[in-house]
């Protein structure tokens, strides 16, 4: 496997995508945060003193998608055509699942933007709830699927063994 973020001398570099075709690209990422019952109920009932946690985290996650190139050194600045971030409350495990879908029409994919959106949203949940309980655990942030581009489609579920 060739690592395209390094030149022949082993120096880090941004991949040159100037010769690639513009195609429609989509990526979906997800992750979870496990919280205490007290935090879960405060989020669900919208009684956290800092405000509506999931609405703020949704906006933060979308902003994270848009700012990925400023955070991850070798990412290209992309013109996103859509970014959505949704949450699922999982009462049986006291978790909140975040799912981020990002789209663009460009020469490189949006996997990093989707992953950054999930991470930013879950970190925002942590930040807004840490006064209640700091024992929250962010976990399982991963790419679920991606479509478009030279490498084709990817699905985490296919052949992952998990």
N, C-alpha and C. Protein backbone atom coordinates (compact mmCIF):
# COMPACT_ATOMS: atom_id res chain seq x y z
N UNK A 1 0.85 -1.18 0.00
CA UNK A 1 0.00 0.00 0.00
C UNK A 1 0.89 1.24 0.00
N UNK A 2 0.58 2.17 -0.87
CA UNK A 2 1.34 3.41 -0.98
C UNK A 2 0.68 4.48 -0.11
N UNK A 3 1.51 5.19 0.66
CA UNK A 3 1.01 6.30 1.45
C UNK A 3 1.20 7.58 0.65
N UNK A 4 0.12 8.18 0.21
CA UNK A 4 0.19 9.31 -0.71
C UNK A 4 0.47 10.64 -0.02
N UNK A 5 0.49 10.66 1.30
CA UNK A 5 0.75 11.90 2.02
C UNK A 5 2.24 12.11 2.31
N UNK A 6 3.10 11.29 1.66
CA UNK A 6 4.54 11.44 1.83
C UNK A 6 5.21 11.49 0.47
N UNK A 7 6.23 12.35 0.34
CA UNK A 7 6.97 12.40 -0.93
C UNK A 7 8.06 11.33 -0.91
N UNK A 8 8.89 11.28 -1.95
CA UNK A 8 9.92 10.26 -2.08
C UNK A 8 10.95 10.32 -0.95
N UNK A 9 11.12 11.47 -0.33
CA UNK A 9 12.07 11.62 0.77
C UNK A 9 11.42 11.37 2.14
N UNK A 10 10.13 11.03 2.14
CA UNK A 10 9.44 10.78 3.41
C UNK A 10 8.86 12.01 4.08
N UNK A 11 8.87 13.12 3.38
CA UNK A 11 8.31 14.36 3.93
C UNK A 11 6.80 14.38 3.75
N UNK A 12 6.10 14.91 4.74
CA UNK A 12 4.65 15.04 4.64
C UNK A 12 4.29 16.05 3.55
N UNK A 13 3.20 15.75 2.84
CA UNK A 13 2.75 16.66 1.79
C UNK A 13 1.25 16.51 1.60
N UNK A 14 0.67 17.54 1.03
CA UNK A 14 -0.73 17.46 0.63
C UNK A 14 -0.77 16.75 -0.71
N UNK A 15 -1.70 15.83 -0.88
CA UNK A 15 -1.83 15.09 -2.13
C UNK A 15 -2.30 16.03 -3.23
N UNK A 16 -1.66 15.94 -4.38
CA UNK A 16 -2.04 16.75 -5.54
C UNK A 16 -3.24 16.10 -6.23
N UNK A 17 -4.39 16.76 -6.17
CA UNK A 17 -5.61 16.22 -6.78
C UNK A 17 -5.98 16.96 -8.06
N UNK A 18 -5.07 17.80 -8.56
CA UNK A 18 -5.40 18.65 -9.70
C UNK A 18 -5.77 17.85 -10.95
N UNK A 19 -5.26 16.64 -11.12
CA UNK A 19 -5.57 15.84 -12.29
C UNK A 19 -6.80 14.96 -12.14
N UNK A 20 -7.41 14.97 -10.99
CA UNK A 20 -8.56 14.09 -10.74
C UNK A 20 -9.84 14.73 -11.28
N UNK A 21 -10.81 13.87 -11.59
CA UNK A 21 -12.10 14.35 -12.07
C UNK A 21 -12.97 14.82 -10.90
N UNK A 22 -13.80 15.79 -11.18
CA UNK A 22 -14.81 16.23 -10.20
C UNK A 22 -15.94 15.22 -10.22
N UNK A 23 -16.26 14.66 -9.07
CA UNK A 23 -17.36 13.71 -8.96
C UNK A 23 -18.16 14.00 -7.70
N UNK A 24 -19.38 13.49 -7.68
CA UNK A 24 -20.22 13.59 -6.47
C UNK A 24 -19.64 12.65 -5.43
N UNK A 25 -19.49 13.14 -4.20
CA UNK A 25 -18.91 12.35 -3.12
C UNK A 25 -19.74 12.52 -1.86
N UNK A 26 -19.91 11.43 -1.14
CA UNK A 26 -20.68 11.43 0.11
C UNK A 26 -19.94 10.57 1.12
N UNK A 27 -19.96 10.99 2.37
CA UNK A 27 -19.41 10.17 3.45
C UNK A 27 -20.35 10.25 4.65
N UNK A 28 -20.46 9.13 5.35
CA UNK A 28 -21.26 9.04 6.57
C UNK A 28 -20.36 8.50 7.67
N UNK A 29 -20.33 9.19 8.80
CA UNK A 29 -19.57 8.74 9.96
C UNK A 29 -20.49 8.74 11.17
N UNK A 30 -20.10 7.95 12.17
CA UNK A 30 -20.88 7.93 13.41
C UNK A 30 -19.96 7.72 14.59
N UNK A 31 -20.50 8.00 15.75
CA UNK A 31 -19.79 7.77 17.01
C UNK A 31 -20.78 7.86 18.14
N UNK A 32 -20.33 7.54 19.35
CA UNK A 32 -21.21 7.52 20.52
C UNK A 32 -20.53 8.17 21.71
N UNK A 33 -21.37 8.64 22.61
CA UNK A 33 -20.89 9.09 23.91
C UNK A 33 -21.75 8.40 24.96
N UNK A 34 -21.08 7.74 25.90
CA UNK A 34 -21.78 7.07 27.00
C UNK A 34 -21.76 8.03 28.17
N UNK A 35 -22.92 8.21 28.79
CA UNK A 35 -23.08 9.18 29.86
C UNK A 35 -23.76 8.51 31.07
N UNK A 36 -23.76 9.22 32.17
CA UNK A 36 -24.47 8.72 33.35
C UNK A 36 -25.97 8.92 33.16
N UNK A 37 -26.75 8.27 33.97
CA UNK A 37 -28.19 8.45 33.91
C UNK A 37 -28.57 9.91 34.15
N UNK A 38 -27.88 10.56 35.07
CA UNK A 38 -28.17 11.96 35.37
C UNK A 38 -27.94 12.85 34.15
N UNK A 39 -26.82 12.65 33.45
CA UNK A 39 -26.54 13.43 32.25
C UNK A 39 -27.54 13.09 31.15
N UNK A 40 -27.81 11.81 30.97
CA UNK A 40 -28.76 11.38 29.94
C UNK A 40 -30.11 12.06 30.14
N UNK A 41 -30.61 12.02 31.35
CA UNK A 41 -31.92 12.63 31.62
C UNK A 41 -31.90 14.14 31.46
N UNK A 42 -30.81 14.78 31.84
CA UNK A 42 -30.70 16.23 31.67
C UNK A 42 -30.69 16.61 30.19
N UNK A 43 -30.02 15.82 29.38
CA UNK A 43 -30.02 16.08 27.94
C UNK A 43 -31.41 15.84 27.37
N UNK A 44 -31.99 14.71 27.71
CA UNK A 44 -33.31 14.34 27.20
C UNK A 44 -34.38 15.36 27.59
N UNK A 45 -34.32 15.84 28.83
CA UNK A 45 -35.32 16.78 29.34
C UNK A 45 -34.95 18.24 29.07
N UNK A 46 -33.80 18.45 28.45
CA UNK A 46 -33.32 19.80 28.10
C UNK A 46 -33.21 20.69 29.33
N UNK A 47 -32.59 20.15 30.39
CA UNK A 47 -32.41 20.91 31.63
C UNK A 47 -30.95 21.23 31.93
N UNK A 48 -30.05 20.97 30.98
CA UNK A 48 -28.64 21.32 31.18
C UNK A 48 -28.52 22.84 31.20
N UNK A 49 -27.81 23.36 32.19
CA UNK A 49 -27.75 24.81 32.39
C UNK A 49 -27.16 25.58 31.21
N UNK A 50 -26.29 24.93 30.44
CA UNK A 50 -25.67 25.61 29.30
C UNK A 50 -26.60 25.71 28.09
N UNK A 51 -27.74 25.00 28.13
CA UNK A 51 -28.69 25.10 27.03
C UNK A 51 -29.06 23.75 26.45
N UNK A 52 -29.70 23.80 25.30
CA UNK A 52 -30.15 22.60 24.59
C UNK A 52 -28.93 21.91 23.98
N UNK A 53 -28.45 20.89 24.65
CA UNK A 53 -27.19 20.24 24.31
C UNK A 53 -27.17 19.74 22.88
N UNK A 54 -28.19 19.02 22.46
CA UNK A 54 -28.14 18.41 21.14
C UNK A 54 -28.25 19.43 20.01
N UNK A 55 -28.97 20.50 20.23
CA UNK A 55 -29.04 21.55 19.20
C UNK A 55 -27.69 22.25 19.06
N UNK A 56 -27.07 22.58 20.19
CA UNK A 56 -25.75 23.22 20.14
C UNK A 56 -24.73 22.26 19.52
N UNK A 57 -24.76 20.98 19.91
CA UNK A 57 -23.82 19.99 19.38
C UNK A 57 -24.03 19.77 17.89
N UNK A 58 -25.27 19.85 17.43
CA UNK A 58 -25.55 19.71 16.01
C UNK A 58 -24.89 20.84 15.22
N UNK A 59 -25.07 22.06 15.69
CA UNK A 59 -24.45 23.20 15.02
C UNK A 59 -22.93 23.09 15.07
N UNK A 60 -22.39 22.69 16.21
CA UNK A 60 -20.94 22.54 16.35
C UNK A 60 -20.40 21.48 15.40
N UNK A 61 -21.12 20.36 15.27
CA UNK A 61 -20.68 19.30 14.37
C UNK A 61 -20.64 19.75 12.92
N UNK A 62 -21.65 20.48 12.51
CA UNK A 62 -21.66 21.00 11.13
C UNK A 62 -20.53 22.00 10.93
N UNK A 63 -20.29 22.84 11.92
CA UNK A 63 -19.16 23.77 11.85
C UNK A 63 -17.84 23.00 11.78
N UNK A 64 -17.73 21.90 12.54
CA UNK A 64 -16.53 21.07 12.48
C UNK A 64 -16.29 20.54 11.09
N UNK A 65 -17.35 20.11 10.41
CA UNK A 65 -17.22 19.65 9.02
C UNK A 65 -16.61 20.75 8.16
N UNK A 66 -17.12 21.94 8.30
CA UNK A 66 -16.70 23.06 7.47
C UNK A 66 -15.28 23.51 7.77
N UNK A 67 -14.77 23.22 8.97
CA UNK A 67 -13.44 23.70 9.38
C UNK A 67 -12.38 22.60 9.39
N UNK A 68 -12.68 21.45 8.84
CA UNK A 68 -11.76 20.31 8.89
C UNK A 68 -10.38 20.64 8.35
N UNK A 69 -10.30 21.33 7.23
CA UNK A 69 -9.00 21.64 6.63
C UNK A 69 -8.14 22.53 7.53
N UNK A 70 -8.75 23.25 8.45
CA UNK A 70 -7.99 24.06 9.40
C UNK A 70 -7.44 23.24 10.55
N UNK A 71 -8.01 22.05 10.77
CA UNK A 71 -7.64 21.22 11.91
C UNK A 71 -6.73 20.05 11.54
N UNK A 72 -6.95 19.46 10.37
CA UNK A 72 -6.19 18.30 9.93
C UNK A 72 -5.23 18.78 8.84
N UNK A 73 -3.92 18.77 9.11
CA UNK A 73 -2.96 19.48 8.26
C UNK A 73 -2.99 19.16 6.77
N UNK A 74 -3.19 17.92 6.37
CA UNK A 74 -3.09 17.59 4.95
C UNK A 74 -4.44 17.50 4.24
N UNK A 75 -5.50 17.92 4.90
CA UNK A 75 -6.82 17.91 4.26
C UNK A 75 -6.96 19.10 3.32
N UNK A 76 -7.63 18.87 2.22
CA UNK A 76 -7.93 19.94 1.27
C UNK A 76 -9.12 20.75 1.78
N UNK A 77 -9.11 22.03 1.47
CA UNK A 77 -10.26 22.88 1.75
C UNK A 77 -11.33 22.54 0.72
N UNK A 78 -12.51 22.12 1.18
CA UNK A 78 -13.56 21.66 0.28
C UNK A 78 -14.77 22.57 0.32
N UNK A 79 -15.44 22.64 -0.80
CA UNK A 79 -16.71 23.34 -0.89
C UNK A 79 -17.81 22.31 -0.65
N UNK A 80 -18.28 22.23 0.58
CA UNK A 80 -19.31 21.24 0.92
C UNK A 80 -20.65 21.67 0.34
N UNK A 81 -21.37 20.70 -0.20
CA UNK A 81 -22.71 21.00 -0.72
C UNK A 81 -23.79 20.67 0.29
N UNK A 82 -23.45 19.85 1.30
CA UNK A 82 -24.41 19.54 2.36
C UNK A 82 -23.68 18.90 3.53
N UNK A 83 -24.15 19.17 4.73
CA UNK A 83 -23.66 18.52 5.94
C UNK A 83 -24.83 18.42 6.90
N UNK A 84 -25.10 17.22 7.36
CA UNK A 84 -26.17 17.02 8.35
C UNK A 84 -25.60 16.24 9.51
N UNK A 85 -26.14 16.52 10.69
CA UNK A 85 -25.70 15.84 11.89
C UNK A 85 -26.95 15.52 12.69
N UNK A 86 -27.15 14.24 12.98
CA UNK A 86 -28.34 13.81 13.72
C UNK A 86 -27.92 12.97 14.92
N UNK A 87 -28.79 12.96 15.91
CA UNK A 87 -28.54 12.20 17.13
C UNK A 87 -29.62 11.17 17.35
N UNK A 88 -29.23 10.07 17.97
CA UNK A 88 -30.17 9.05 18.40
C UNK A 88 -29.91 8.80 19.88
N UNK A 89 -30.93 8.95 20.70
CA UNK A 89 -30.81 8.66 22.13
C UNK A 89 -31.02 7.17 22.34
N UNK A 90 -30.10 6.55 23.05
CA UNK A 90 -30.13 5.11 23.30
C UNK A 90 -30.27 4.86 24.80
N UNK A 91 -31.51 4.84 25.30
CA UNK A 91 -31.72 4.75 26.74
C UNK A 91 -31.22 3.45 27.37
N UNK A 92 -31.24 2.36 26.60
CA UNK A 92 -30.83 1.07 27.16
C UNK A 92 -29.34 1.03 27.50
N UNK A 93 -28.52 1.84 26.82
CA UNK A 93 -27.08 1.87 27.08
C UNK A 93 -26.61 3.22 27.61
N UNK A 94 -27.54 4.15 27.80
CA UNK A 94 -27.21 5.51 28.24
C UNK A 94 -26.18 6.15 27.30
N UNK A 95 -26.45 6.01 26.01
CA UNK A 95 -25.56 6.58 25.00
C UNK A 95 -26.32 7.53 24.08
N UNK A 96 -25.56 8.39 23.47
CA UNK A 96 -26.07 9.25 22.42
C UNK A 96 -25.23 8.94 21.19
N UNK A 97 -25.89 8.56 20.12
CA UNK A 97 -25.23 8.23 18.86
C UNK A 97 -25.33 9.44 17.94
N UNK A 98 -24.21 9.86 17.41
CA UNK A 98 -24.17 10.96 16.44
C UNK A 98 -23.86 10.38 15.07
N UNK A 99 -24.61 10.83 14.06
CA UNK A 99 -24.39 10.41 12.68
C UNK A 99 -24.26 11.67 11.82
N UNK A 100 -23.16 11.73 11.08
CA UNK A 100 -22.90 12.90 10.24
C UNK A 100 -22.77 12.46 8.78
N UNK A 101 -23.50 13.15 7.91
CA UNK A 101 -23.43 12.90 6.47
C UNK A 101 -22.95 14.17 5.79
N UNK A 102 -21.93 14.03 4.95
CA UNK A 102 -21.35 15.19 4.27
C UNK A 102 -21.29 14.89 2.78
N UNK A 103 -21.59 15.92 1.97
CA UNK A 103 -21.57 15.77 0.51
C UNK A 103 -20.78 16.91 -0.12
N UNK A 104 -20.19 16.60 -1.26
CA UNK A 104 -19.53 17.60 -2.08
C UNK A 104 -19.50 17.12 -3.51
N UNK A 105 -19.18 18.00 -4.40
CA UNK A 105 -18.82 17.65 -5.77
C UNK A 105 -17.43 18.19 -5.94
N UNK A 106 -16.47 17.27 -5.98
CA UNK A 106 -15.09 17.72 -6.01
C UNK A 106 -14.13 16.64 -6.43
N UNK A 107 -12.83 16.90 -6.17
CA UNK A 107 -11.75 16.02 -6.58
C UNK A 107 -11.23 15.15 -5.45
N UNK A 108 -11.76 15.33 -4.27
CA UNK A 108 -11.34 14.52 -3.13
C UNK A 108 -12.54 14.30 -2.21
N UNK A 109 -12.47 13.26 -1.42
CA UNK A 109 -13.61 12.84 -0.62
C UNK A 109 -13.83 13.64 0.65
N UNK A 110 -14.93 13.32 1.31
CA UNK A 110 -15.35 14.06 2.50
C UNK A 110 -15.38 13.18 3.76
N UNK A 111 -14.58 12.10 3.76
CA UNK A 111 -14.55 11.23 4.92
C UNK A 111 -14.07 11.98 6.17
N UNK A 112 -13.01 12.75 6.02
CA UNK A 112 -12.45 13.46 7.18
C UNK A 112 -13.44 14.50 7.71
N UNK A 113 -14.19 15.11 6.81
CA UNK A 113 -15.19 16.10 7.25
C UNK A 113 -16.29 15.42 8.06
N UNK A 114 -16.75 14.25 7.61
CA UNK A 114 -17.79 13.54 8.36
C UNK A 114 -17.28 13.09 9.73
N UNK A 115 -16.06 12.57 9.77
CA UNK A 115 -15.46 12.14 11.04
C UNK A 115 -15.24 13.32 11.99
N UNK A 116 -14.80 14.44 11.45
CA UNK A 116 -14.59 15.63 12.27
C UNK A 116 -15.92 16.16 12.78
N UNK A 117 -16.96 16.09 11.97
CA UNK A 117 -18.28 16.51 12.41
C UNK A 117 -18.76 15.71 13.61
N UNK A 118 -18.61 14.39 13.55
CA UNK A 118 -19.01 13.53 14.67
C UNK A 118 -18.19 13.85 15.91
N UNK A 119 -16.88 13.93 15.75
CA UNK A 119 -16.01 14.19 16.90
C UNK A 119 -16.33 15.54 17.54
N UNK A 120 -16.54 16.55 16.73
CA UNK A 120 -16.85 17.88 17.25
C UNK A 120 -18.18 17.88 17.98
N UNK A 121 -19.17 17.21 17.42
CA UNK A 121 -20.49 17.15 18.07
C UNK A 121 -20.40 16.44 19.42
N UNK A 122 -19.70 15.31 19.47
CA UNK A 122 -19.61 14.57 20.73
C UNK A 122 -18.77 15.31 21.76
N UNK A 123 -17.73 15.99 21.32
CA UNK A 123 -16.95 16.81 22.25
C UNK A 123 -17.79 17.96 22.81
N UNK A 124 -18.68 18.47 22.00
CA UNK A 124 -19.58 19.54 22.48
C UNK A 124 -20.53 19.00 23.53
N UNK A 125 -21.06 17.80 23.34
CA UNK A 125 -21.90 17.18 24.36
C UNK A 125 -21.10 17.07 25.66
N UNK A 126 -19.87 16.59 25.55
CA UNK A 126 -19.03 16.46 26.74
C UNK A 126 -18.85 17.82 27.42
N UNK A 127 -18.48 18.81 26.64
CA UNK A 127 -18.23 20.15 27.20
C UNK A 127 -19.46 20.71 27.91
N UNK A 128 -20.61 20.55 27.32
CA UNK A 128 -21.82 21.13 27.91
C UNK A 128 -22.30 20.38 29.14
N UNK A 129 -21.87 19.12 29.31
CA UNK A 129 -22.37 18.30 30.41
C UNK A 129 -21.33 17.97 31.47
N UNK A 130 -20.10 18.41 31.29
CA UNK A 130 -19.03 18.02 32.21
C UNK A 130 -19.24 18.55 33.63
N UNK A 131 -20.01 19.60 33.79
CA UNK A 131 -20.29 20.10 35.14
C UNK A 131 -21.18 19.12 35.91
N UNK A 132 -21.94 18.32 35.20
CA UNK A 132 -22.81 17.31 35.84
C UNK A 132 -21.99 16.06 36.18
N UNK A 133 -21.18 15.59 35.22
CA UNK A 133 -20.40 14.37 35.42
C UNK A 133 -19.32 14.31 34.35
N UNK A 134 -18.06 14.21 34.75
CA UNK A 134 -16.94 14.17 33.82
C UNK A 134 -16.60 12.77 33.34
N UNK A 135 -17.33 11.76 33.75
CA UNK A 135 -17.01 10.38 33.41
C UNK A 135 -17.63 9.91 32.09
N UNK A 136 -17.94 10.81 31.21
CA UNK A 136 -18.48 10.44 29.90
C UNK A 136 -17.37 9.82 29.05
N UNK A 137 -17.74 8.90 28.17
CA UNK A 137 -16.77 8.24 27.31
C UNK A 137 -17.22 8.37 25.85
N UNK A 138 -16.36 9.00 25.06
CA UNK A 138 -16.59 9.10 23.62
C UNK A 138 -15.93 7.89 22.98
N UNK A 139 -16.68 7.20 22.10
CA UNK A 139 -16.12 5.98 21.53
C UNK A 139 -16.71 5.65 20.17
N UNK A 140 -16.05 4.72 19.53
CA UNK A 140 -16.53 4.13 18.27
C UNK A 140 -16.75 5.15 17.15
N UNK A 141 -15.94 6.17 17.09
CA UNK A 141 -16.03 7.10 15.97
C UNK A 141 -15.42 6.40 14.76
N UNK A 142 -16.21 6.27 13.70
CA UNK A 142 -15.72 5.57 12.52
C UNK A 142 -16.51 5.97 11.28
N UNK A 143 -15.88 5.70 10.14
CA UNK A 143 -16.53 5.90 8.85
C UNK A 143 -17.50 4.76 8.62
N UNK A 144 -18.74 5.07 8.35
CA UNK A 144 -19.77 4.07 8.09
C UNK A 144 -19.78 3.70 6.62
N UNK A 145 -19.75 4.71 5.76
CA UNK A 145 -19.75 4.47 4.32
C UNK A 145 -19.28 5.71 3.59
N UNK A 146 -18.84 5.49 2.37
CA UNK A 146 -18.50 6.60 1.48
C UNK A 146 -18.81 6.19 0.06
N UNK A 147 -19.15 7.18 -0.74
CA UNK A 147 -19.52 6.95 -2.14
C UNK A 147 -18.79 7.97 -3.01
N UNK A 148 -18.40 7.52 -4.20
CA UNK A 148 -17.79 8.40 -5.17
C UNK A 148 -16.27 8.35 -5.13
N UNK A 149 -15.69 8.94 -6.15
CA UNK A 149 -14.24 9.02 -6.24
C UNK A 149 -13.60 7.80 -6.87
N UNK A 150 -12.30 7.90 -7.08
CA UNK A 150 -11.53 6.87 -7.76
C UNK A 150 -11.56 5.53 -7.02
N UNK A 151 -11.53 5.58 -5.69
CA UNK A 151 -11.49 4.32 -4.93
C UNK A 151 -12.86 3.66 -4.81
N UNK A 152 -13.90 4.33 -5.27
CA UNK A 152 -15.24 3.73 -5.27
C UNK A 152 -15.93 3.79 -3.93
N UNK A 153 -16.88 2.90 -3.77
CA UNK A 153 -17.71 2.89 -2.56
C UNK A 153 -17.05 2.08 -1.45
N UNK A 154 -17.37 2.44 -0.22
CA UNK A 154 -16.88 1.74 0.97
C UNK A 154 -18.03 1.62 1.95
N UNK A 155 -18.13 0.47 2.58
CA UNK A 155 -19.10 0.26 3.65
C UNK A 155 -18.40 -0.44 4.80
N UNK A 156 -18.46 0.14 5.98
CA UNK A 156 -17.83 -0.44 7.18
C UNK A 156 -18.37 -1.84 7.45
N UNK A 157 -19.65 -2.03 7.20
CA UNK A 157 -20.30 -3.30 7.51
C UNK A 157 -19.80 -4.44 6.62
N UNK A 158 -19.36 -4.14 5.43
CA UNK A 158 -18.93 -5.19 4.49
C UNK A 158 -17.52 -5.66 4.82
N UNK A 159 -17.44 -6.88 5.31
CA UNK A 159 -16.13 -7.49 5.56
C UNK A 159 -15.40 -6.99 6.77
N UNK A 160 -16.04 -6.22 7.61
CA UNK A 160 -15.34 -5.67 8.77
C UNK A 160 -15.19 -6.67 9.90
N UNK A 161 -16.06 -7.65 9.95
CA UNK A 161 -16.00 -8.63 11.02
C UNK A 161 -16.53 -8.12 12.34
N UNK A 162 -17.07 -6.90 12.33
CA UNK A 162 -17.61 -6.34 13.59
C UNK A 162 -19.09 -6.12 13.49
